[in-house]
Protein backbone atom coordinates (compact mmCIF):
# COMPACT_ATOMS: atom_id res chain seq x y z
CA MET A 1 4.00 30.52 -28.93
CA ASP A 2 3.35 26.80 -29.37
CA ILE A 3 4.68 25.41 -26.11
CA HIS A 4 4.03 21.86 -27.27
CA LYS A 5 6.87 22.22 -29.80
CA LYS A 6 9.22 24.41 -27.81
CA GLY A 7 9.46 25.76 -24.32
CA ILE A 8 8.37 29.06 -22.88
CA LEU A 9 11.92 30.09 -22.05
CA PRO A 10 14.11 30.97 -25.05
CA LYS A 11 17.61 29.65 -25.52
CA ASN A 12 20.27 31.59 -23.58
CA PHE A 13 17.63 32.97 -21.19
CA SER A 14 19.17 33.66 -17.77
CA VAL A 15 17.33 32.18 -14.80
CA ASP A 16 18.00 34.04 -11.57
CA GLU A 17 21.32 35.16 -13.10
CA GLU A 18 22.66 31.72 -12.16
CA TYR A 19 21.56 29.37 -14.93
CA THR A 20 21.52 29.76 -18.72
CA VAL A 21 18.94 27.86 -20.77
CA MET A 22 20.64 25.61 -23.31
CA LEU A 23 17.98 23.18 -24.50
CA PHE A 24 14.25 22.56 -24.09
CA ILE A 25 13.69 18.88 -23.20
CA LYS A 26 9.99 18.22 -22.69
CA HIS A 27 6.61 19.70 -21.90
CA GLY A 28 4.32 18.20 -19.23
CA SER A 29 0.77 18.94 -18.10
CA ASN A 30 1.89 21.61 -15.65
CA ALA A 31 5.66 21.95 -16.07
CA GLU A 32 8.49 22.10 -18.60
CA THR A 33 11.98 20.65 -18.37
CA TYR A 34 15.16 22.24 -19.72
CA ARG A 35 18.86 21.58 -19.78
CA VAL A 36 20.71 24.56 -18.31
CA LYS A 37 24.30 25.50 -17.55
CA GLY A 38 25.22 26.97 -14.20
CA LYS A 39 27.72 29.70 -13.47
CA ASP A 40 30.01 26.92 -12.27
CA GLY A 41 30.06 25.53 -15.82
CA LYS A 42 28.14 22.38 -14.87
CA LEU A 43 25.01 21.08 -16.56
CA TYR A 44 21.71 20.83 -14.67
CA PHE A 45 18.07 20.02 -15.27
CA LEU A 46 15.66 22.89 -14.69
CA LYS A 47 11.97 22.28 -14.19
CA LEU A 48 9.68 25.27 -14.79
CA PHE A 49 6.28 25.16 -13.06
CA TYR A 50 3.05 26.85 -14.12
CA TYR A 51 1.56 27.65 -10.74
CA ALA A 52 -1.89 28.28 -12.19
CA LYS A 53 -2.09 24.79 -13.68
CA HIS A 54 -1.28 22.92 -10.47
CA HIS A 55 -4.03 21.30 -8.44
CA ARG A 56 -4.26 22.61 -4.87
CA SER A 57 -3.20 19.20 -3.55
CA ALA A 58 0.25 19.84 -5.07
CA PHE A 59 0.94 22.55 -2.45
CA ASN A 60 1.59 22.29 1.28
CA SER A 61 -0.09 24.41 3.95
CA GLU A 62 2.45 27.21 3.31
CA ASN A 63 1.55 27.20 -0.42
CA ASN A 64 4.92 25.76 -1.38
CA LEU A 65 5.07 23.12 -4.10
CA LEU A 66 5.39 19.68 -2.52
CA GLU A 67 7.70 18.48 -5.29
CA ILE A 68 10.26 21.15 -4.41
CA GLU A 69 9.88 20.69 -0.66
CA PHE A 70 10.28 16.91 -0.92
CA LEU A 71 13.39 17.09 -3.10
CA LYS A 72 15.03 19.54 -0.71
CA ILE A 73 15.16 16.84 1.96
CA ILE A 74 15.72 13.75 -0.22
CA LYS A 75 19.29 12.48 -0.49
CA HIS A 76 19.70 9.04 -2.03
CA PRO A 77 21.85 7.67 -4.88
CA ASN A 78 18.81 6.18 -6.64
CA ILE A 79 16.86 9.46 -6.66
CA VAL A 80 17.47 12.63 -8.63
CA SER A 81 19.16 15.22 -6.40
CA PHE A 82 18.21 18.81 -5.55
CA LYS A 83 20.43 21.77 -6.44
CA ASP A 84 18.36 24.96 -6.21
CA SER A 85 14.86 26.45 -6.47
CA GLY A 86 13.18 29.81 -6.77
CA GLU A 87 10.68 31.92 -8.69
CA LEU A 88 10.86 34.04 -11.83
CA ILE A 89 8.66 36.43 -13.80
CA PHE A 90 8.50 35.92 -17.56
CA GLU A 91 6.23 37.91 -19.87
CA GLY A 92 4.27 39.13 -16.87
CA LYS A 93 3.60 35.64 -15.49
CA LYS A 94 4.96 34.08 -12.32
CA PHE A 95 6.65 30.68 -12.45
CA GLY A 96 8.45 28.48 -9.99
CA PHE A 97 11.63 26.66 -10.90
CA LEU A 98 13.53 23.66 -9.59
CA VAL A 99 17.15 22.92 -10.46
CA LEU A 100 18.33 19.32 -10.28
CA ASN A 101 21.77 17.81 -10.72
CA PHE A 102 22.25 16.56 -14.25
CA ILE A 103 22.06 12.85 -15.04
CA THR A 104 24.02 11.61 -18.03
CA GLY A 105 21.87 8.96 -19.65
CA GLU A 106 18.35 8.23 -20.82
CA THR A 107 14.97 7.28 -19.41
CA LEU A 108 13.96 3.65 -19.19
CA ALA A 109 11.18 4.46 -21.68
CA GLU A 110 13.77 5.66 -24.19
CA ARG A 111 15.85 2.56 -23.60
CA ILE A 112 13.04 0.06 -24.17
CA SER A 113 11.70 1.96 -27.17
CA ARG A 114 15.10 1.41 -28.75
CA GLU A 115 15.60 -2.18 -27.59
CA GLN A 116 14.06 -4.58 -25.09
CA LEU A 117 16.16 -5.83 -22.20
CA SER A 118 17.61 -9.24 -22.92
CA SER A 119 19.11 -10.12 -19.55
CA LEU A 120 17.44 -10.88 -16.24
CA TYR A 121 20.52 -9.37 -14.61
CA ASP A 122 19.80 -6.00 -16.27
CA LEU A 123 16.15 -6.17 -15.23
CA LYS A 124 17.09 -6.89 -11.62
CA GLN A 125 19.69 -4.11 -11.60
CA ILE A 126 17.16 -1.55 -12.78
CA LEU A 127 14.31 -2.64 -10.53
CA SER A 128 16.58 -3.04 -7.50
CA GLY A 129 17.73 0.55 -7.94
CA VAL A 130 14.14 1.79 -8.09
CA LEU A 131 13.19 -0.31 -5.07
CA ASN A 132 16.19 0.97 -3.11
CA GLY A 133 15.01 4.50 -3.77
CA LEU A 134 11.45 3.64 -2.73
CA ASN A 135 12.67 1.87 0.39
CA TYR A 136 14.33 5.15 1.38
CA LEU A 137 11.24 7.25 0.58
CA HIS A 138 8.85 4.93 2.41
CA GLY A 139 11.17 4.70 5.41
CA LEU A 140 11.41 8.45 6.04
CA PRO A 141 9.92 9.72 9.33
CA GLU A 142 7.24 11.28 7.11
CA PRO A 143 6.99 8.61 4.37
CA ILE A 144 6.75 9.86 0.78
CA ILE A 145 4.71 8.00 -1.85
CA HIS A 146 5.98 8.73 -5.36
CA ASN A 147 2.69 7.84 -7.11
CA GLU A 148 4.16 7.87 -10.63
CA ILE A 149 6.67 5.06 -11.05
CA THR A 150 6.68 4.53 -14.82
CA PRO A 151 9.38 3.88 -17.45
CA GLN A 152 9.29 7.63 -18.19
CA ASN A 153 10.22 8.45 -14.59
CA ILE A 154 13.10 6.04 -14.23
CA MET A 155 16.36 7.55 -15.43
CA LEU A 156 19.30 5.31 -16.32
CA ASP A 157 22.51 7.03 -15.22
CA LEU A 158 25.17 5.96 -17.72
CA SER A 159 28.06 7.90 -16.21
CA ASP A 160 29.54 4.68 -14.76
CA ASP A 161 30.22 1.31 -16.33
CA ILE A 162 27.10 -0.15 -14.71
CA PRO A 163 23.89 1.83 -15.41
CA GLN A 164 22.18 3.01 -12.24
CA ALA A 165 18.44 3.60 -12.03
CA ARG A 166 17.30 6.89 -10.55
CA ILE A 167 13.75 7.93 -9.76
CA ILE A 168 12.83 11.31 -11.22
CA ASP A 169 9.76 13.59 -11.40
CA PHE A 170 8.02 14.01 -8.04
CA GLY A 171 5.07 15.97 -9.42
CA TYR A 172 2.52 13.51 -8.01
CA ALA A 173 4.43 12.59 -4.86
CA ARG A 174 2.54 12.98 -1.60
CA SER A 175 3.15 12.45 2.07
CA PHE A 176 1.72 9.11 3.16
CA HIS A 177 -0.12 10.85 5.98
CA LYS A 178 -2.01 12.82 3.34
CA SER A 179 -3.42 9.56 2.00
CA SER A 180 -7.18 9.31 1.40
CA LYS A 181 -7.19 13.02 0.60
CA VAL A 182 -7.78 14.91 -2.65
CA TYR A 183 -5.53 13.29 -5.21
CA ASN A 184 -5.41 14.72 -8.72
CA LYS A 185 -4.65 11.99 -11.26
CA GLU A 186 -4.80 14.24 -14.33
CA GLY A 187 -1.83 13.47 -16.55
CA LEU A 188 -0.97 10.14 -14.91
CA ASN A 189 -0.47 7.03 -17.02
CA LEU A 190 -3.10 4.90 -15.29
CA ASN A 191 -1.72 1.65 -16.71
CA TYR A 192 0.90 1.80 -13.97
CA VAL A 193 -1.38 3.07 -11.18
CA ALA A 194 -2.70 0.72 -8.48
CA SER A 195 -6.47 0.27 -8.42
CA GLU A 196 -6.89 1.68 -4.91
CA CYS A 197 -5.53 5.02 -6.14
CA PHE A 198 -8.68 5.42 -8.24
CA ASN A 199 -10.49 5.84 -4.91
CA ASN A 200 -7.97 8.41 -3.67
CA PHE A 201 -5.99 6.04 -1.46
CA TYR A 202 -2.28 5.54 -1.90
CA SER A 203 0.33 3.77 0.20
CA PRO A 204 3.81 2.23 -0.12
CA GLN A 205 2.09 -0.80 -1.66
CA SER A 206 0.71 1.45 -4.42
CA ASP A 207 4.26 2.32 -5.48
CA LEU A 208 5.19 -1.38 -5.37
CA PHE A 209 2.29 -2.19 -7.71
CA SER A 210 3.71 0.39 -10.12
CA VAL A 211 7.13 -1.26 -9.95
CA GLY A 212 5.39 -4.55 -10.74
CA ALA A 213 3.74 -2.91 -13.75
CA VAL A 214 7.12 -1.65 -14.95
CA MET A 215 8.54 -5.15 -14.43
CA TYR A 216 5.74 -6.62 -16.56
CA HIS A 217 6.46 -4.05 -19.28
CA LEU A 218 10.15 -4.97 -19.28
CA LEU A 219 9.29 -8.65 -19.58
CA PHE A 220 6.49 -8.53 -22.15
CA GLY A 221 6.76 -5.20 -23.94
CA LYS A 222 3.58 -3.55 -22.62
CA PRO A 223 1.92 -2.69 -19.28
CA PRO A 224 -0.17 -5.38 -17.53
CA TRP A 225 -3.87 -5.66 -18.46
CA PHE A 226 -3.12 -3.26 -21.30
CA LYS A 227 -6.02 -1.97 -23.38
CA ASP A 228 -6.05 0.88 -25.89
CA ILE A 229 -7.84 3.76 -24.16
CA SER A 230 -6.71 6.57 -26.45
CA LYS A 231 -10.21 7.37 -27.73
CA PHE A 232 -11.53 7.75 -24.16
CA ILE A 233 -8.64 9.83 -22.87
CA ALA A 234 -10.82 12.92 -22.35
CA ASP A 235 -13.19 10.99 -20.06
CA ARG A 236 -11.12 10.12 -16.99
CA THR A 237 -13.91 8.20 -15.26
CA LYS A 238 -14.49 6.09 -18.37
CA VAL A 239 -10.78 5.30 -18.58
CA GLU A 240 -10.69 4.23 -14.93
CA ASP A 241 -13.76 2.03 -15.42
CA ILE A 242 -12.16 0.34 -18.44
CA ILE A 243 -8.94 -0.35 -16.53
CA ILE A 244 -10.84 -1.70 -13.52
CA GLU A 245 -12.85 -4.00 -15.79
CA GLU A 246 -9.67 -5.31 -17.44
CA ARG A 247 -8.14 -6.02 -14.04
CA ARG A 248 -11.02 -8.33 -13.19
CA LYS A 249 -9.48 -10.73 -15.68
CA PRO A 250 -6.56 -13.07 -14.96
CA LEU A 251 -3.15 -11.52 -15.53
CA ASP A 252 -2.04 -12.49 -19.02
CA ILE A 253 1.32 -14.25 -19.01
CA PRO A 254 2.31 -14.63 -22.68
CA LYS A 255 3.81 -18.03 -23.48
CA ASP A 256 7.48 -17.88 -24.49
CA SER A 257 7.14 -14.22 -25.44
CA SER A 258 9.66 -12.67 -23.07
CA ASP A 259 12.97 -11.62 -24.58
CA ILE A 260 14.68 -12.13 -21.21
CA ILE A 261 16.97 -15.08 -21.88
CA ASP A 262 17.19 -16.38 -18.30
CA PHE A 263 13.53 -15.80 -17.48
CA ASP A 264 12.06 -18.45 -15.15
CA GLU A 265 9.07 -19.30 -12.95
CA SER A 266 10.52 -17.60 -9.87
CA VAL A 267 10.38 -14.28 -11.72
CA LEU A 268 6.70 -14.88 -12.47
CA LYS A 269 5.96 -15.49 -8.79
CA VAL A 270 7.56 -12.17 -7.89
CA LEU A 271 5.65 -10.41 -10.67
CA LYS A 272 2.27 -11.81 -9.66
CA ARG A 273 2.80 -10.93 -6.00
CA ALA A 274 3.66 -7.33 -6.93
CA LEU A 275 0.54 -7.01 -9.09
CA GLN A 276 -1.98 -8.29 -6.55
CA GLN A 277 -5.04 -6.04 -6.53
CA ASP A 278 -5.39 -6.15 -2.75
CA PRO A 279 -2.54 -4.09 -1.21
CA GLU A 280 -2.44 -6.49 1.75
CA ASN A 281 -1.43 -9.32 -0.58
CA ARG A 282 1.43 -7.47 -2.26
CA PHE A 283 4.94 -7.16 -0.93
CA GLN A 284 4.71 -5.22 2.29
CA SER A 285 7.90 -3.25 1.71
CA ALA A 286 10.29 -2.35 -1.09
CA ASN A 287 12.95 -4.30 0.79
CA GLU A 288 10.84 -7.47 0.73
CA PHE A 289 10.27 -6.98 -3.02
CA THR A 290 14.03 -6.62 -3.54
CA GLN A 291 14.80 -9.73 -1.52
CA ALA A 292 12.29 -11.77 -3.52
CA LEU A 293 13.62 -10.39 -6.81
CA ASN A 294 17.17 -11.37 -5.89
CA GLY A 295 16.17 -14.81 -4.63
CA GLU A 296 17.07 -14.04 -1.01
CA ILE A 297 13.58 -15.10 0.06
CA GLN A 298 11.22 -17.49 -1.66
CA ILE A 299 7.55 -16.74 -2.22
CA GLU A 300 4.63 -18.94 -3.11
CA ASP A 301 2.73 -18.66 -6.36
CA VAL A 302 -0.47 -16.62 -6.07
CA ASP A 303 -3.72 -16.53 -7.96
CA THR A 304 -4.00 -13.76 -10.53
CA VAL A 305 -7.80 -13.75 -10.54
CA GLN A 306 -8.34 -11.16 -7.87
CA LYS A 307 -10.96 -8.88 -6.44
CA VAL A 308 -10.70 -5.43 -7.98
CA ILE A 309 -12.01 -2.28 -6.33
CA SER A 310 -15.42 -1.71 -7.82
CA ASP A 311 -18.02 1.02 -7.78
CA ASP A 312 -21.00 -1.09 -8.82
CA LYS A 313 -23.83 0.41 -6.77
CA GLU A 314 -26.05 -2.61 -7.34
CA LYS A 315 -23.66 -5.19 -5.96
CA LYS A 316 -24.66 -7.12 -2.84
CA ILE A 317 -22.42 -5.92 -0.06
CA ILE A 318 -24.07 -7.74 2.85
CA LYS A 319 -22.89 -11.17 3.94
CA ILE A 320 -23.74 -12.61 7.34
CA GLN A 321 -21.95 -15.62 8.76
CA LYS A 322 -23.30 -17.39 11.83
CA GLY A 323 -20.79 -18.09 14.58
CA LYS A 324 -19.75 -21.71 15.00
CA LYS A 325 -19.28 -21.41 18.75
CA LYS A 326 -15.56 -22.08 18.65
CA GLY A 327 -14.59 -18.68 19.92
CA PHE A 328 -11.29 -18.10 21.65
CA ASP A 329 -10.81 -21.82 22.26
CA ALA A 330 -9.82 -22.01 18.60
CA ILE A 331 -7.01 -19.47 19.11
CA ALA A 332 -3.81 -20.61 20.76
CA GLY A 333 -1.83 -17.97 22.61
CA MET A 334 -2.74 -14.26 22.52
CA ILE A 335 -3.52 -14.56 26.24
CA GLU A 336 -2.73 -10.92 27.01
CA LEU A 337 -5.11 -9.68 24.32
CA LYS A 338 -7.90 -11.99 25.45
CA GLU A 339 -7.50 -10.90 29.06
CA GLN A 340 -7.53 -7.22 28.09
CA MET A 341 -10.84 -7.67 26.29
CA GLN A 342 -12.57 -9.91 28.82
CA PRO A 343 -14.08 -7.58 31.45
CA GLU A 344 -15.27 -4.61 29.38
CA ILE A 345 -15.99 -6.26 26.04
CA ILE A 346 -16.37 -10.04 26.13
CA ASP A 347 -18.41 -10.13 29.34
CA ALA A 348 -20.45 -7.04 28.45
CA LEU A 349 -21.80 -7.76 24.98
CA PRO A 350 -23.80 -10.94 25.75
CA ASN A 351 -25.22 -9.43 28.98
CA PRO A 352 -26.67 -5.99 28.19
CA GLU A 353 -29.39 -6.25 30.85
CA GLU A 354 -26.87 -6.90 33.62
CA TYR A 355 -24.83 -3.85 32.66
CA ALA A 356 -27.97 -1.72 32.28
CA LYS A 357 -28.85 -2.36 35.94
CA TYR A 358 -25.71 -0.51 36.94
CA GLY A 359 -26.14 2.22 34.36
CA VAL A 360 -23.03 1.10 32.50
CA THR A 361 -23.13 1.96 28.79
CA LEU A 362 -22.27 -0.83 26.39
CA PRO A 363 -19.33 -0.14 24.10
CA ASN A 364 -20.17 0.62 20.46
CA GLY A 365 -16.94 -0.57 18.91
CA ILE A 366 -13.23 -1.28 19.12
CA LEU A 367 -10.19 -0.90 16.90
CA PHE A 368 -7.66 -3.61 16.07
CA TYR A 369 -4.39 -2.11 14.84
CA GLY A 370 -0.93 -3.40 14.07
CA PRO A 371 1.29 -4.70 11.25
CA PRO A 372 -0.27 -6.41 8.22
CA ARG A 373 -0.94 -10.16 8.14
CA CYS A 374 -0.93 -10.57 11.92
CA GLY A 375 -4.43 -12.02 12.29
CA LYS A 376 -6.75 -9.06 12.86
CA THR A 377 -9.45 -10.57 10.64
CA PHE A 378 -8.94 -14.05 12.09
CA PHE A 379 -9.24 -12.76 15.66
CA ALA A 380 -12.35 -10.69 14.87
CA LYS A 381 -14.22 -13.71 13.51
CA HIS A 382 -13.46 -15.80 16.59
CA PHE A 383 -14.35 -12.82 18.76
CA ALA A 384 -17.83 -12.89 17.18
CA GLU A 385 -18.10 -16.59 17.97
CA GLU A 386 -16.97 -15.98 21.54
CA VAL A 387 -19.75 -13.47 22.22
CA GLY A 388 -22.34 -15.33 20.12
CA PHE A 389 -22.98 -12.54 17.61
CA ASN A 390 -23.59 -12.82 13.88
CA TYR A 391 -20.65 -11.63 11.81
CA MET A 392 -20.47 -9.31 8.81
CA PHE A 393 -17.20 -8.67 6.99
CA PHE A 394 -16.46 -5.62 4.83
CA THR A 395 -13.43 -4.01 3.25
CA SER A 396 -13.27 -0.26 2.96
CA SER A 397 -12.75 -0.57 -0.78
CA GLY A 398 -16.00 -2.53 -1.01
CA LEU A 399 -17.91 0.25 0.75
CA LYS A 400 -16.27 3.21 -0.96
CA SER A 401 -17.49 4.57 -4.26
CA ARG A 402 -16.51 7.33 -6.67
CA TYR A 403 -20.17 8.19 -7.17
CA VAL A 404 -21.76 10.96 -5.13
CA ASN A 405 -23.63 9.70 -2.03
CA ALA A 406 -23.02 6.03 -2.92
CA THR A 407 -20.56 5.50 -0.06
CA GLN A 408 -23.02 6.91 2.46
CA GLU A 409 -25.76 4.69 1.02
CA ASN A 410 -23.52 1.63 1.36
CA ILE A 411 -22.76 2.49 5.00
CA ALA A 412 -26.44 3.05 5.79
CA LYS A 413 -27.40 -0.24 4.14
CA MET A 414 -24.71 -2.05 6.12
CA PHE A 415 -26.14 -0.81 9.43
CA GLU A 416 -29.70 -1.52 8.32
CA GLU A 417 -28.89 -5.17 7.59
CA ALA A 418 -26.88 -5.48 10.80
CA GLU A 419 -29.84 -4.28 12.86
CA LYS A 420 -32.19 -6.72 11.11
CA ASN A 421 -29.87 -9.57 12.04
CA ALA A 422 -28.86 -8.36 15.50
CA PRO A 423 -26.93 -9.15 17.55
CA THR A 424 -24.32 -8.47 14.89
CA ILE A 425 -20.65 -7.63 14.69
CA ILE A 426 -19.65 -5.48 11.73
CA PHE A 427 -15.98 -5.93 10.87
CA ILE A 428 -14.46 -3.29 8.55
CA ASP A 429 -10.98 -4.02 7.26
CA GLU A 430 -8.59 -1.17 6.36
CA ILE A 431 -10.99 1.25 8.03
CA ASN A 432 -8.51 4.12 7.62
CA GLU A 433 -9.33 4.11 3.89
CA LEU A 434 -13.03 4.61 4.59
CA LEU A 435 -12.71 7.08 7.46
CA PRO A 436 -9.66 9.31 6.92
CA SER A 437 -9.04 12.38 9.02
CA ARG A 438 -11.27 15.27 7.92
CA ASP A 439 -8.72 18.04 7.68
CA SER A 440 -8.79 20.85 5.15
CA ASP A 441 -7.40 18.64 2.38
CA ALA A 442 -9.87 15.79 2.80
CA HIS A 443 -12.05 14.95 -0.18
CA GLU A 444 -15.68 16.00 0.35
CA MET A 445 -16.90 12.44 -0.24
CA SER A 446 -14.48 11.17 2.43
CA LYS A 447 -15.82 13.77 4.85
CA SER A 448 -19.36 12.68 4.05
CA ALA A 449 -18.46 9.04 4.70
CA VAL A 450 -17.03 9.93 8.12
CA ASN A 451 -20.12 11.98 8.98
CA GLU A 452 -22.41 9.14 7.93
CA MET A 453 -20.45 6.62 9.99
CA LEU A 454 -20.50 8.87 13.05
CA ALA A 455 -24.26 9.29 12.74
CA GLN A 456 -24.87 5.56 12.25
CA MET A 457 -22.73 4.63 15.26
CA ASP A 458 -24.85 6.68 17.63
CA ARG A 459 -26.09 4.21 20.30
CA THR A 460 -25.42 1.15 18.15
CA GLY A 461 -24.85 -0.89 21.30
CA GLU A 462 -28.53 -0.53 22.16
CA LYS A 463 -29.42 -1.89 18.71
CA GLY A 464 -27.34 -5.02 19.14
CA ILE A 465 -24.63 -3.84 16.74
CA PHE A 466 -20.93 -3.83 17.56
CA ILE A 467 -18.25 -2.39 15.26
CA ILE A 468 -14.71 -3.70 14.88
CA GLY A 469 -12.37 -1.65 12.73
CA ALA A 470 -9.01 -3.00 11.61
CA THR A 471 -6.10 -0.94 10.35
CA ASN A 472 -2.37 -0.91 9.83
CA TYR A 473 -2.41 2.89 10.21
CA PRO A 474 -4.41 4.04 13.26
CA ASP A 475 -3.00 7.57 13.07
CA MET A 476 -4.73 8.12 9.72
CA ILE A 477 -8.28 7.57 11.04
CA ASP A 478 -10.47 10.58 11.77
CA PRO A 479 -10.00 11.37 15.50
CA ALA A 480 -13.76 11.58 16.07
CA MET A 481 -14.04 7.89 15.18
CA LEU A 482 -11.64 7.00 17.97
CA GLY A 483 -13.42 8.92 20.71
CA ALA A 484 -15.98 7.92 23.31
CA GLY A 485 -19.00 6.09 21.93
CA ARG A 486 -17.18 5.05 18.76
CA LEU A 487 -14.03 2.92 18.45
CA GLU A 488 -12.92 4.05 21.87
CA LYS A 489 -10.99 0.91 22.86
CA LYS A 490 -7.86 0.13 20.84
CA PHE A 491 -6.12 -3.24 20.85
CA TYR A 492 -2.72 -3.94 19.33
CA ILE A 493 -2.38 -7.18 17.36
CA GLY A 494 1.24 -7.89 16.52
CA PRO A 495 3.10 -10.94 15.24
CA PRO A 496 2.07 -14.25 16.88
CA ASP A 497 3.45 -14.93 20.34
CA ALA A 498 5.47 -18.05 21.15
CA GLU A 499 2.47 -20.19 22.05
CA LEU A 500 0.62 -19.27 18.88
CA ARG A 501 3.69 -19.85 16.70
CA LYS A 502 4.02 -23.32 18.21
CA ALA A 503 0.35 -24.02 17.51
CA LEU A 504 0.74 -22.78 13.93
CA PHE A 505 3.62 -25.16 13.28
CA GLU A 506 1.54 -28.00 14.73
CA LEU A 507 -1.43 -26.99 12.57
CA TYR A 508 0.49 -26.69 9.31
CA LEU A 509 2.58 -29.85 9.85
CA ILE A 510 -0.32 -32.09 10.82
CA ASN A 511 -1.03 -34.94 8.38
CA ARG A 512 2.38 -34.51 6.71
CA PRO A 513 5.10 -37.18 6.84
CA LEU A 514 7.23 -36.11 9.81
CA ASP A 515 10.53 -37.47 11.00
CA PHE A 516 11.05 -38.19 14.69
CA GLY A 517 12.28 -35.41 16.94
CA ILE A 518 10.31 -32.37 15.70
CA ASP A 519 10.73 -29.82 18.50
CA PHE A 520 7.78 -27.44 18.19
CA ASN A 521 8.94 -25.31 21.11
CA PHE A 522 12.31 -24.75 19.46
CA LEU A 523 10.66 -23.95 16.12
CA SER A 524 8.65 -21.31 17.95
CA GLU A 525 11.82 -19.85 19.46
CA LEU A 526 13.46 -19.65 16.03
CA THR A 527 10.59 -17.73 14.45
CA GLU A 528 10.09 -14.66 16.63
CA ASN A 529 8.41 -11.88 14.59
CA TYR A 530 7.29 -14.31 11.85
CA VAL A 531 3.60 -13.93 11.00
CA SER A 532 1.18 -16.77 10.29
CA ALA A 533 1.67 -16.57 6.51
CA ASP A 534 5.45 -16.76 7.03
CA ILE A 535 5.15 -19.93 9.10
CA GLU A 536 2.82 -21.55 6.59
CA TYR A 537 5.32 -20.74 3.86
CA LEU A 538 8.22 -22.20 5.89
CA VAL A 539 6.33 -25.46 6.36
CA ASN A 540 5.45 -25.64 2.67
CA GLU A 541 9.07 -25.06 1.65
CA ALA A 542 10.30 -27.72 4.07
CA SER A 543 7.71 -30.10 2.62
CA ARG A 544 8.93 -29.41 -0.91
CA LEU A 545 12.50 -30.06 0.17
CA ALA A 546 11.50 -33.34 1.79
CA LEU A 547 9.54 -34.39 -1.29
CA LYS A 548 12.49 -33.59 -3.53
CA GLU A 549 14.77 -35.76 -1.39
CA ARG A 550 12.05 -38.40 -0.91
CA LYS A 551 12.43 -38.17 2.87
CA ARG A 552 10.25 -37.30 5.84
CA ILE A 553 10.17 -33.67 6.98
CA SER A 554 12.94 -33.36 9.53
CA MET A 555 13.93 -30.83 12.16
CA THR A 556 17.12 -30.17 10.19
CA MET A 557 15.10 -29.28 7.08
CA LEU A 558 12.84 -26.93 9.02
CA GLU A 559 15.79 -25.18 10.65
CA TYR A 560 17.49 -24.79 7.27
CA ILE A 561 14.37 -23.24 5.71
CA ILE A 562 13.90 -20.87 8.66
CA LYS A 563 17.50 -19.66 8.46
CA SER A 564 17.08 -19.11 4.71
CA ASN A 565 13.97 -16.93 5.03
CA LYS A 566 13.64 -13.74 7.05
CA PRO A 567 10.32 -12.50 8.50
CA SER A 568 8.19 -10.69 5.92
CA ILE A 569 7.80 -7.68 8.23
CA PRO A 570 11.19 -5.95 8.73
CA LEU A 571 12.30 -5.22 12.28
CA HIS A 572 12.32 -1.45 11.69
CA GLU A 573 8.64 -1.66 10.69
CA LEU A 574 7.78 -3.50 13.90
CA ARG A 575 9.59 -0.83 15.89
CA LYS A 576 7.41 1.82 14.27
CA TYR A 577 4.32 -0.06 15.42
CA GLU A 578 5.70 -0.37 18.93
CA LYS A 579 6.05 3.42 19.02
CA ILE A 580 2.47 3.80 17.82
CA ARG A 581 1.36 1.31 20.47
CA ALA A 582 3.17 3.24 23.20
CA LYS A 583 1.64 6.50 22.02
CA ILE A 584 -1.89 5.09 22.04
CA ALA A 585 -1.35 3.49 25.44
CA GLY A 586 -0.13 6.83 26.78
CA GLU A 587 -3.20 8.61 25.47
CA ASN A 588 -5.42 6.11 27.26
CA VAL A 589 -3.70 6.46 30.64
């Protein structure tokens, strides 16, 4: 039987004596989709799974398919809904099946193959629906990353007057807490996949990149950085390398080529933010993406020439920056954090002999954790200046490699250079990507990286090396890295406190034409939970408003801009971090 032309199950076949096969719809790499009729007379979708063709990462610890288990708990109007599931034997082979409520309509891929969207309103309606669904998935107690947002997996429900987008096909969906684990990309359309996924790391920002890629396709008729890879399709590594190389180039924005009639520059700003290669520079939530898309918040234009995750083994990964002796004097506020670090860290590192007299072991490293864009990197650099150490900065993506043993070699080289230039602080951003928990699902290369890091950190304090790891997700780091002798001290870095917010307004407004009566204390009060980038944006927007009106920047303008722009980190996200903070503090008691 040629299953590429027709399905395994024949027409009128009875599934579990509940559903009758009416029509074969499509064949995938490890599943088939049918239209079936239930005993209740209603139409449904039925997905038939070939167990033998699924990668082990598609199953949970009880050997149940994740796609089925996820859809059992998902209930959202912008996501396909679960009806039933089970198993069947056909021609001596065992299959799983999933029954989903029928959607009257077509996929977005079918829609745009027939005709391109011509209205920005339609584009926003479709993308807002997808983002609403993702906001729900990412906000679950156990966040779910879809990992395959493409035009083929967005269904347009045409049962009402206004089409509603629904996310379908959860075959590649994974729990966020399984990130940095084995991740099978076979069958994925990599044109819509974020670059960090090539190194087996996925996050909510990965899904948002995919939405950005879909947005680009809707605007310009093809995926971003598109290149014909059909002749290399059998060589997955080659395909990934080609895509990575293309993404080193500036994002191509065709001149006057969009069919969207009310297309404007604000749409481009949203698009370029979504397609940033560094996840930290993308929208930090689906809700923020939606707000920007609908003009509820304004965003600045960003550069499209970006660093792309690379596996070039010959690249120079070592950069040492000498401290400028500004230290903590250059940081306003953050008094509590400074005081927490003073006795055991700040005083200890420059005085190893004094501590040795009392037999006190020097710390090997610390962890900075908290929401994105709250100054972890900024604080680490000034920390190095405060203690008088040289400073080396790395991202996990810069150290990781797809090639066997290359990640371990990069880690070893990093420590070798640090020792040569001791005393040295090594700062590793997004350290959870490099050192994920080594459970049974962890990729062997990830396990090797953790083992190498553990070995290298043995007695680093005696070598004049101090490690600072930074992460937004401390619970995803291998527990051994957070124990004694490693990153044993953890420090929370949240949004700027009142004193720092005041200093940021003073910094960003200096040398600009100001009206009388700017109340920096009141500006600080108005911007609780705003991060540094938010405050810089507020000042820039107020400056644009003043320039437009040919006036000095006034307090009234600043207040208006603040009221018009919410913090980039939603309150519910901050509450999650407060819970993490409380948990870590409790463990340290």
